[in-house]
Amino acid sequence: MVLRTLQWIVRQEWLLRLLGWLFGPFNPFLESYRRDPHRVYRKLREEDPLYRSRVFQAFVATRYDDVQHVLRSPSFSADRMLTPAFQAMAKRTRRYPQLHALIERNLLMLEGPEHRRLRGLVGKAFTPRRVQELRPRIESLVEELLDEMEKRGDVELIRDFAHPLPINVILEMLGLPAKDRHLFAEWSKPLATLVDPLEAEGGDGSIRQAVEELNAYLRPIIEDRRREPKDDLLTAMLQAEEDGERLDEKDLLALVSLIMVAGHETTTSLISNSVIELLRNPSERKRLTEDPELIESAVDEFVRYAGTVVLTDRVAIEDTELRGKRIKKGQVVICVIAAANRDPEQFEDPERLDLGRENNHHLGFGLGSHFCLGAQLARLETQIALSALLRRFPDFTGPAEPEAWKRSTVLRGPTRLDISVGGPAD
């Protein structure tokens, strides 16, 4: 009931405006923020780079050096169970064992030896070789999707391209049937709200249902892989071993859920955000079209300039100090990655999209022990998708500003993007 009430409140624009004095300069629930968050970030970075938010009872860090420090420092932890809010959530979800297990065993929140053990096991399965082996299939999937787009001419990019590509790639990796992709698409949406529960609707009911349905679907498949191993990621995770230990079913189910969300929702938005920036920056679009070899640096620049993950947070595990301010044990620091990635003290001319940018040490995939496991796959999918789109439809057109942006304080991406691809290239 409490979560449902909070979800209702953050959807009442009039009420949030009325409470503007309480939020101060950082109110990520407003539509104006979703449309142009960088205006807010610039103000915070210049005037109060470690802002103390009364509403969130947290510090908001927007400078590159500060965000980098917090993500790396042993004084901070990704274990949100150390905070009262997550402790209350965990207490509430104990009556739903499957949802509770997913929250409790989430790799994004584990720390210390247990995190190293699980990440090590997944890393043995999620190797660079396995990712590179997917290149031919990704290229094939991209061409199939573009063929269908060419037939229609006017398309909705997310529905017709940016969404089906990563979900199909994930199914291929895991060795799950492509015919069930509609099920995974349905489950991934509520699962994605686990990282941003206030922006969901209806309490935690939809999340709980998605977890239970996904687990029921996966259990017999896992048992089948135990009996008859295959050359897929699910089998590789089952067989991975570290110091004589293997993943148990609870951890395996949690990891598959994480792979679905982290590998699907984020890549969908990265492709969509990149296309928007190509529409907004015709000179850089022309540059990339004429020099396809720029695609690797281009994708990293898209991650820096218009990345999907806007922010993350860390909990202080001891009293510490940052930028002259005392942070007590148990207090949270919200690390605004999108703000850090446009810090002029780190990046030359940071407000300019430069697809050939060198020494681009952005934080879009995180840092330290929680650096994104799927970074290489996200890069590869986006490189292939954008290269093929520009090659097949160099004159595609669309709006520089989408109709609306996702209601999320953590992940940024449009809800839809209508474009016209016209005819094929000569």
Protein backbone atom coordinates (compact mmCIF):
# COMPACT_ATOMS: atom_id res chain seq x y z
CA MET A 1 0.00 0.00 0.00
CA VAL A 2 2.85 2.40 0.85
CA LEU A 3 4.63 1.69 -2.44
CA ARG A 4 1.40 2.08 -4.41
CA THR A 5 0.78 5.47 -2.74
CA LEU A 6 4.29 6.69 -3.51
CA GLN A 7 3.90 5.54 -7.12
CA TRP A 8 0.71 7.59 -7.37
CA ILE A 9 2.35 10.68 -5.89
CA VAL A 10 5.27 10.76 -8.34
CA ARG A 11 2.79 10.74 -11.24
CA GLN A 12 0.97 13.88 -10.06
CA GLU A 13 2.75 16.70 -11.87
CA TRP A 14 0.72 19.40 -10.13
CA LEU A 15 1.59 18.03 -6.72
CA LEU A 16 5.28 17.70 -7.53
CA ARG A 17 5.35 21.31 -8.73
CA LEU A 18 3.61 22.39 -5.53
CA LEU A 19 6.31 20.59 -3.55
CA GLY A 20 9.10 22.09 -5.63
CA TRP A 21 10.52 23.89 -2.59
CA LEU A 22 11.02 20.52 -0.92
CA PHE A 23 12.77 18.91 -3.89
CA GLY A 24 15.01 21.88 -4.60
CA PRO A 25 16.99 21.79 -7.88
CA PHE A 26 16.81 17.99 -8.23
CA ASN A 27 13.34 16.66 -9.03
CA PRO A 28 13.68 13.74 -11.48
CA PHE A 29 9.92 13.09 -11.52
CA LEU A 30 9.01 16.16 -13.60
CA GLU A 31 8.34 15.92 -17.32
CA SER A 32 10.61 18.92 -17.93
CA TYR A 33 13.46 16.98 -16.31
CA ARG A 34 12.82 13.92 -18.46
CA ARG A 35 12.94 16.05 -21.61
CA ASP A 36 16.12 17.93 -20.68
CA PRO A 37 17.91 16.53 -17.61
CA HIS A 38 21.23 18.10 -18.59
CA ARG A 39 19.93 21.58 -17.81
CA VAL A 40 19.48 20.40 -14.22
CA TYR A 41 22.85 18.63 -14.18
CA ARG A 42 24.73 21.73 -15.38
CA LYS A 43 23.17 23.83 -12.64
CA LEU A 44 24.03 21.30 -9.94
CA ARG A 45 27.54 20.69 -11.26
CA GLU A 46 28.30 24.41 -11.26
CA GLU A 47 26.51 25.51 -8.10
CA ASP A 48 26.32 22.54 -5.73
CA PRO A 49 28.13 19.46 -7.11
CA LEU A 50 27.41 17.43 -3.97
CA TYR A 51 23.84 18.51 -3.34
CA ARG A 52 22.05 17.32 -0.19
CA SER A 53 18.51 16.29 -1.14
CA ARG A 54 15.99 16.45 1.68
CA VAL A 55 13.40 14.40 -0.23
CA PHE A 56 15.75 11.55 -1.08
CA GLN A 57 17.77 11.88 2.13
CA ALA A 58 20.85 11.50 -0.03
CA PHE A 59 23.74 13.40 -1.55
CA VAL A 60 23.61 13.97 -5.32
CA ALA A 61 27.06 13.88 -6.96
CA THR A 62 27.40 15.39 -10.45
CA ARG A 63 31.17 15.93 -10.95
CA TYR A 64 33.21 13.27 -12.73
CA ASP A 65 35.91 13.02 -10.06
CA ASP A 66 33.35 12.64 -7.27
CA VAL A 67 31.29 10.01 -9.08
CA GLN A 68 34.44 8.09 -9.99
CA HIS A 69 35.64 8.25 -6.38
CA VAL A 70 32.36 6.95 -4.94
CA LEU A 71 32.13 4.09 -7.45
CA ARG A 72 35.66 2.98 -6.64
CA SER A 73 35.98 3.77 -2.94
CA PRO A 74 35.87 0.92 -0.37
CA SER A 75 34.01 3.37 1.87
CA PHE A 76 30.90 2.89 -0.27
CA SER A 77 28.85 -0.20 -1.09
CA ALA A 78 26.32 -1.22 -3.75
CA ASP A 79 24.45 -3.24 -1.11
CA ARG A 80 21.21 -1.25 -0.87
CA MET A 81 20.04 -3.63 1.86
CA LEU A 82 22.04 -1.40 4.17
CA THR A 83 19.44 1.36 3.68
CA PRO A 84 16.10 1.60 5.56
CA ALA A 85 14.12 1.77 2.29
CA PHE A 86 15.44 -1.55 0.98
CA GLN A 87 15.22 -3.14 4.40
CA ALA A 88 11.53 -2.23 4.46
CA MET A 89 11.10 -3.63 0.93
CA ALA A 90 12.85 -6.86 1.88
CA LYS A 91 10.65 -7.22 4.95
CA ARG A 92 7.54 -6.72 2.82
CA THR A 93 8.60 -9.19 0.13
CA ARG A 94 9.49 -12.07 2.46
CA ARG A 95 5.97 -13.37 1.99
CA TYR A 96 6.80 -13.76 -1.73
CA PRO A 97 9.89 -16.00 -1.71
CA GLN A 98 10.66 -15.78 -5.43
CA LEU A 99 10.57 -11.99 -5.56
CA HIS A 100 12.50 -11.81 -2.29
CA ALA A 101 15.20 -14.12 -3.66
CA LEU A 102 15.56 -11.97 -6.78
CA ILE A 103 16.04 -8.81 -4.72
CA GLU A 104 18.34 -10.48 -2.20
CA ARG A 105 20.52 -12.26 -4.79
CA ASN A 106 20.68 -9.43 -7.33
CA LEU A 107 24.27 -9.21 -8.59
CA LEU A 108 23.91 -5.41 -8.80
CA MET A 109 23.49 -5.27 -5.03
CA LEU A 110 25.84 -7.95 -3.76
CA GLU A 111 29.27 -7.02 -2.42
CA GLY A 112 32.40 -8.63 -1.07
CA PRO A 113 33.30 -12.33 -1.43
CA GLU A 114 29.78 -13.35 -2.48
CA HIS A 115 29.74 -10.79 -5.28
CA ARG A 116 33.20 -11.84 -6.47
CA ARG A 117 32.15 -15.50 -6.44
CA LEU A 118 28.97 -14.98 -8.46
CA ARG A 119 30.54 -12.50 -10.87
CA GLY A 120 33.46 -14.87 -11.37
CA LEU A 121 31.10 -17.72 -12.20
CA VAL A 122 29.09 -15.62 -14.65
CA GLY A 123 32.29 -14.19 -16.13
CA LYS A 124 33.47 -17.70 -16.97
CA ALA A 125 30.33 -18.11 -19.07
CA PHE A 126 30.00 -14.55 -20.39
CA THR A 127 33.34 -14.47 -22.17
CA PRO A 128 34.54 -12.10 -24.95
CA ARG A 129 34.85 -15.13 -27.24
CA ARG A 130 31.20 -16.07 -26.69
CA VAL A 131 30.12 -12.49 -27.41
CA GLN A 132 32.19 -12.25 -30.60
CA GLU A 133 30.79 -15.55 -31.81
CA LEU A 134 27.39 -13.85 -31.86
CA ARG A 135 28.48 -11.27 -34.47
CA PRO A 136 27.26 -13.18 -37.56
CA ARG A 137 23.89 -13.87 -35.96
CA ILE A 138 23.49 -10.24 -34.81
CA GLU A 139 24.31 -9.05 -38.33
CA SER A 140 21.74 -11.47 -39.74
CA LEU A 141 19.05 -10.37 -37.28
CA VAL A 142 19.74 -6.70 -38.06
CA GLU A 143 19.39 -7.27 -41.80
CA GLU A 144 16.13 -9.19 -41.29
CA LEU A 145 14.67 -6.34 -39.25
CA LEU A 146 15.83 -3.73 -41.76
CA ASP A 147 14.29 -5.75 -44.61
CA GLU A 148 10.92 -5.54 -42.89
CA MET A 149 11.40 -1.81 -42.19
CA GLU A 150 12.17 -1.21 -45.89
CA LYS A 151 8.87 -2.83 -46.88
CA ARG A 152 6.90 -0.44 -44.67
CA GLY A 153 8.88 2.76 -45.14
CA ASP A 154 7.33 4.51 -42.14
CA VAL A 155 8.24 2.62 -38.95
CA GLU A 156 8.32 2.93 -35.19
CA LEU A 157 12.00 2.38 -34.45
CA ILE A 158 11.65 0.89 -30.97
CA ARG A 159 8.93 -1.60 -31.83
CA ASP A 160 10.40 -2.54 -35.21
CA PHE A 161 14.14 -2.46 -34.54
CA ALA A 162 15.63 -1.34 -31.21
CA HIS A 163 13.41 -3.61 -29.10
CA PRO A 164 13.37 -6.92 -31.03
CA LEU A 165 17.12 -6.95 -31.73
CA PRO A 166 18.46 -7.26 -28.15
CA ILE A 167 15.67 -9.54 -26.96
CA ASN A 168 16.40 -11.94 -29.83
CA VAL A 169 20.14 -11.79 -29.13
CA ILE A 170 19.57 -12.61 -25.45
CA LEU A 171 17.38 -15.57 -26.36
CA GLU A 172 20.07 -16.79 -28.77
CA MET A 173 22.73 -16.47 -26.06
CA LEU A 174 20.72 -18.28 -23.44
CA GLY A 175 19.61 -20.96 -25.90
CA LEU A 176 15.91 -20.20 -25.46
CA PRO A 177 13.33 -20.53 -28.26
CA ALA A 178 12.80 -17.39 -30.36
CA LYS A 179 9.08 -18.19 -30.57
CA ASP A 180 8.79 -17.20 -26.89
CA ARG A 181 10.26 -13.71 -27.34
CA HIS A 182 6.85 -12.11 -26.74
CA LEU A 183 6.83 -13.65 -23.26
CA PHE A 184 10.27 -12.28 -22.43
CA ALA A 185 9.26 -8.86 -23.76
CA GLU A 186 6.27 -8.89 -21.40
CA TRP A 187 8.35 -10.01 -18.42
CA SER A 188 11.24 -7.61 -19.01
CA LYS A 189 9.13 -4.46 -18.59
CA PRO A 190 8.01 -5.08 -14.98
CA LEU A 191 11.41 -6.58 -14.13
CA ALA A 192 13.06 -3.35 -15.30
CA THR A 193 11.10 -1.42 -12.66
CA LEU A 194 13.04 -3.30 -9.96
CA VAL A 195 15.80 -0.72 -10.41
CA ASP A 196 13.24 2.09 -10.22
CA PRO A 197 10.18 0.88 -8.23
CA LEU A 198 8.67 4.33 -7.70
CA GLU A 199 8.15 4.74 -11.43
CA ALA A 200 6.15 1.50 -11.72
CA GLU A 201 2.40 1.20 -11.16
CA GLY A 202 0.22 -1.00 -8.99
CA GLY A 203 2.67 -1.66 -6.17
CA ASP A 204 4.91 -4.68 -6.67
CA GLY A 205 2.17 -6.96 -8.04
CA SER A 206 3.29 -6.85 -11.68
CA ILE A 207 6.93 -7.44 -10.69
CA ARG A 208 5.96 -10.40 -8.52
CA GLN A 209 3.87 -11.93 -11.29
CA ALA A 210 6.66 -11.52 -13.86
CA VAL A 211 9.22 -13.15 -11.54
CA GLU A 212 6.96 -16.11 -10.77
CA GLU A 213 6.03 -16.67 -14.43
CA LEU A 214 9.64 -16.36 -15.61
CA ASN A 215 10.89 -18.78 -12.95
CA ALA A 216 8.15 -21.29 -13.79
CA TYR A 217 9.17 -21.07 -17.45
CA LEU A 218 12.90 -21.46 -16.77
CA ARG A 219 12.95 -24.29 -14.22
CA PRO A 220 12.17 -27.16 -16.61
CA ILE A 221 14.59 -25.72 -19.17
CA ILE A 222 17.35 -25.59 -16.53
CA GLU A 223 16.66 -29.21 -15.62
CA ASP A 224 16.80 -30.13 -19.30
CA ARG A 225 20.22 -28.42 -19.63
CA ARG A 226 21.51 -30.34 -16.62
CA ARG A 227 20.56 -33.60 -18.33
CA GLU A 228 21.55 -32.58 -21.85
CA PRO A 229 24.06 -29.69 -21.97
CA LYS A 230 24.09 -27.45 -25.04
CA ASP A 231 26.40 -24.81 -26.44
CA ASP A 232 24.59 -21.84 -24.89
CA LEU A 233 25.00 -19.35 -22.05
CA LEU A 234 22.52 -21.14 -19.79
CA THR A 235 24.56 -24.35 -19.98
CA ALA A 236 27.80 -22.41 -19.55
CA MET A 237 26.49 -20.80 -16.35
CA LEU A 238 25.35 -24.18 -15.07
CA GLN A 239 28.77 -25.68 -15.72
CA ALA A 240 30.86 -22.72 -14.50
CA GLU A 241 32.81 -23.55 -11.37
CA GLU A 242 34.82 -21.44 -8.91
CA ASP A 243 36.72 -23.12 -6.05
CA GLY A 244 34.53 -26.17 -6.38
CA GLU A 245 31.28 -24.16 -6.24
CA ARG A 246 28.61 -23.79 -8.90
CA LEU A 247 25.56 -21.58 -9.26
CA ASP A 248 22.51 -22.89 -7.45
CA GLU A 249 19.04 -22.54 -8.94
CA LYS A 250 18.18 -19.41 -6.94
CA ASP A 251 21.26 -17.55 -8.17
CA LEU A 252 20.84 -18.81 -11.72
CA LEU A 253 17.23 -17.58 -11.89
CA ALA A 254 18.26 -14.18 -10.50
CA LEU A 255 21.07 -13.89 -13.04
CA VAL A 256 18.83 -14.74 -16.00
CA SER A 257 16.40 -12.04 -14.84
CA LEU A 258 19.26 -9.54 -14.58
CA ILE A 259 20.58 -10.46 -18.03
CA MET A 260 17.13 -9.91 -19.48
CA VAL A 261 16.80 -6.42 -17.99
CA ALA A 262 20.40 -5.25 -18.28
CA GLY A 263 20.85 -6.70 -21.75
CA HIS A 264 17.49 -5.74 -23.20
CA GLU A 265 16.05 -2.50 -21.84
CA THR A 266 19.42 -0.73 -21.75
CA THR A 267 20.47 -1.70 -25.28
CA THR A 268 17.04 -0.84 -26.69
CA SER A 269 17.35 2.67 -25.30
CA LEU A 270 21.00 3.05 -26.31
CA ILE A 271 20.12 2.34 -29.95
CA SER A 272 17.11 4.68 -29.78
CA ASN A 273 19.04 7.47 -28.05
CA SER A 274 21.82 7.16 -30.62
CA VAL A 275 19.39 7.52 -33.52
CA ILE A 276 17.90 10.63 -31.89
CA GLU A 277 21.37 12.16 -31.65
CA LEU A 278 22.04 11.34 -35.30
CA LEU A 279 18.85 13.21 -36.17
CA ARG A 280 19.87 16.15 -33.96
CA ASN A 281 23.45 16.31 -35.25
CA PRO A 282 23.38 16.12 -39.07
CA SER A 283 27.08 16.98 -39.47
CA GLU A 284 28.15 14.10 -37.19
CA ARG A 285 25.69 11.81 -38.91
CA LYS A 286 27.24 12.73 -42.29
CA ARG A 287 30.69 12.15 -40.80
CA LEU A 288 29.80 8.64 -39.64
CA THR A 289 28.01 7.78 -42.88
CA GLU A 290 31.07 8.77 -44.90
CA ASP A 291 33.53 7.11 -42.52
CA PRO A 292 31.98 3.85 -41.20
CA GLU A 293 35.29 2.99 -39.49
CA LEU A 294 34.36 5.56 -36.81
CA ILE A 295 31.61 3.30 -35.48
CA GLU A 296 33.53 2.05 -32.41
CA SER A 297 34.41 5.51 -31.13
CA ALA A 298 30.94 6.71 -32.19
CA VAL A 299 29.14 4.20 -29.98
CA ASP A 300 31.30 5.08 -26.98
CA GLU A 301 30.49 8.73 -27.62
CA PHE A 302 26.78 7.92 -27.74
CA VAL A 303 27.18 6.14 -24.38
CA ARG A 304 28.91 9.22 -22.95
CA TYR A 305 26.64 11.83 -24.47
CA ALA A 306 23.26 10.06 -24.44
CA GLY A 307 23.71 6.87 -22.47
CA THR A 308 20.88 4.80 -21.07
CA VAL A 309 21.96 4.58 -17.41
CA VAL A 310 21.45 8.04 -15.95
CA LEU A 311 22.42 7.35 -12.38
CA THR A 312 23.25 4.75 -9.78
CA ASP A 313 23.81 4.97 -6.04
CA ARG A 314 26.09 3.79 -3.28
CA VAL A 315 25.76 3.49 0.49
CA ALA A 316 28.45 4.73 2.88
CA ILE A 317 29.65 1.81 5.04
CA GLU A 318 31.64 4.12 7.28
CA ASP A 319 31.79 7.81 8.12
CA THR A 320 33.67 9.57 5.34
CA GLU A 321 34.12 12.95 3.71
CA LEU A 322 33.66 14.15 0.15
CA ARG A 323 34.06 17.68 -1.18
CA GLY A 324 34.34 18.94 2.37
CA LYS A 325 31.00 17.43 3.41
CA ARG A 326 30.62 14.71 6.01
CA ILE A 327 28.81 11.59 4.84
CA LYS A 328 27.69 9.38 7.69
CA LYS A 329 27.60 5.62 7.68
CA GLY A 330 24.34 4.48 6.08
CA GLN A 331 23.82 7.62 4.01
CA VAL A 332 23.35 7.32 0.25
CA VAL A 333 25.21 9.09 -2.54
CA ILE A 334 23.35 9.28 -5.85
CA CYS A 335 25.99 9.17 -8.59
CA VAL A 336 24.63 10.99 -11.64
CA ILE A 337 26.61 9.28 -14.38
CA ALA A 338 25.00 11.36 -17.12
CA ALA A 339 26.19 14.55 -15.41
CA ALA A 340 29.70 13.22 -14.82
CA ASN A 341 29.93 12.26 -18.50
CA ARG A 342 29.52 15.92 -19.47
CA ASP A 343 31.86 17.38 -16.88
CA PRO A 344 34.07 20.02 -18.59
CA GLU A 345 36.87 19.24 -16.13
CA GLN A 346 37.11 15.75 -17.64
CA PHE A 347 35.94 16.15 -21.26
CA GLU A 348 36.89 18.81 -23.76
CA ASP A 349 33.80 20.59 -25.12
CA PRO A 350 31.55 18.06 -23.35
CA GLU A 351 28.26 19.45 -24.67
CA ARG A 352 29.31 18.67 -28.24
CA LEU A 353 28.72 15.25 -29.79
CA ASP A 354 32.08 14.20 -31.25
CA LEU A 355 31.89 10.75 -32.84
CA GLY A 356 35.65 10.59 -33.19
CA ARG A 357 36.37 11.59 -29.59
CA GLU A 358 39.62 10.13 -28.27
CA ASN A 359 40.48 9.16 -24.68
CA ASN A 360 36.78 8.87 -23.96
CA HIS A 361 36.88 7.56 -20.40
CA HIS A 362 33.14 7.80 -19.80
CA LEU A 363 31.35 6.13 -16.91
CA GLY A 364 28.39 4.89 -18.93
CA PHE A 365 29.08 1.23 -18.14
CA GLY A 366 30.00 1.87 -14.52
CA LEU A 367 33.33 1.41 -12.83
CA GLY A 368 35.19 -0.93 -10.53
CA SER A 369 33.83 -4.27 -9.37
CA HIS A 370 30.35 -3.49 -10.72
CA PHE A 371 31.47 -2.57 -14.24
CA CYS A 372 28.78 -3.79 -16.65
CA LEU A 373 29.32 -7.45 -17.60
CA GLY A 374 27.41 -6.92 -20.81
CA ALA A 375 29.29 -3.81 -21.98
CA GLN A 376 30.98 -5.64 -24.84
CA LEU A 377 27.69 -7.09 -26.07
CA ALA A 378 25.90 -3.73 -25.84
CA ARG A 379 28.69 -2.08 -27.83
CA LEU A 380 28.66 -4.83 -30.47
CA GLU A 381 24.88 -4.78 -30.96
CA THR A 382 24.77 -0.98 -31.20
CA GLN A 383 27.73 -0.82 -33.59
CA ILE A 384 26.16 -3.37 -35.93
CA ALA A 385 22.68 -1.82 -35.67
CA LEU A 386 23.75 1.77 -36.40
CA SER A 387 26.22 0.82 -39.13
CA ALA A 388 23.59 -1.18 -40.99
CA LEU A 389 20.88 1.46 -40.51
CA LEU A 390 23.10 4.19 -42.00
CA ARG A 391 24.28 1.93 -44.82
CA ARG A 392 20.79 0.79 -45.80
CA PHE A 393 18.93 4.04 -45.18
CA PRO A 394 21.39 6.96 -45.17
CA ASP A 395 18.57 9.50 -45.61
CA PHE A 396 16.17 8.28 -42.94
CA THR A 397 14.17 11.06 -41.32
CA GLY A 398 12.46 11.52 -37.97
CA PRO A 399 11.87 13.93 -35.08
CA ALA A 400 14.78 15.40 -33.14
CA GLU A 401 12.54 15.28 -30.06
CA PRO A 402 10.45 12.15 -29.37
CA GLU A 403 6.86 12.37 -28.14
CA ALA A 404 7.79 11.31 -24.62
CA TRP A 405 10.57 9.80 -22.54
CA LYS A 406 10.31 6.79 -20.26
CA ARG A 407 9.15 7.45 -16.75
CA SER A 408 12.37 6.42 -15.05
CA THR A 409 14.89 8.17 -12.87
CA VAL A 410 17.52 5.50 -13.60
CA LEU A 411 17.19 4.64 -17.30
CA ARG A 412 16.72 7.18 -20.10
CA GLY A 413 15.10 6.43 -23.45
CA PRO A 414 12.13 7.45 -25.61
CA THR A 415 8.80 5.65 -25.36
CA ARG A 416 8.49 5.66 -29.16
CA LEU A 417 10.33 7.06 -32.17
CA ASP A 418 8.61 7.29 -35.54
CA ILE A 419 10.98 7.48 -38.49
CA SER A 420 10.76 7.16 -42.26
CA VAL A 421 13.47 5.05 -43.89
CA GLY A 422 12.39 5.73 -47.47
CA GLY A 423 14.01 3.49 -50.06
CA PRO A 424 17.28 1.56 -49.87
CA ALA A 425 20.67 3.10 -50.58
CA ASP A 426 21.92 2.99 -54.20
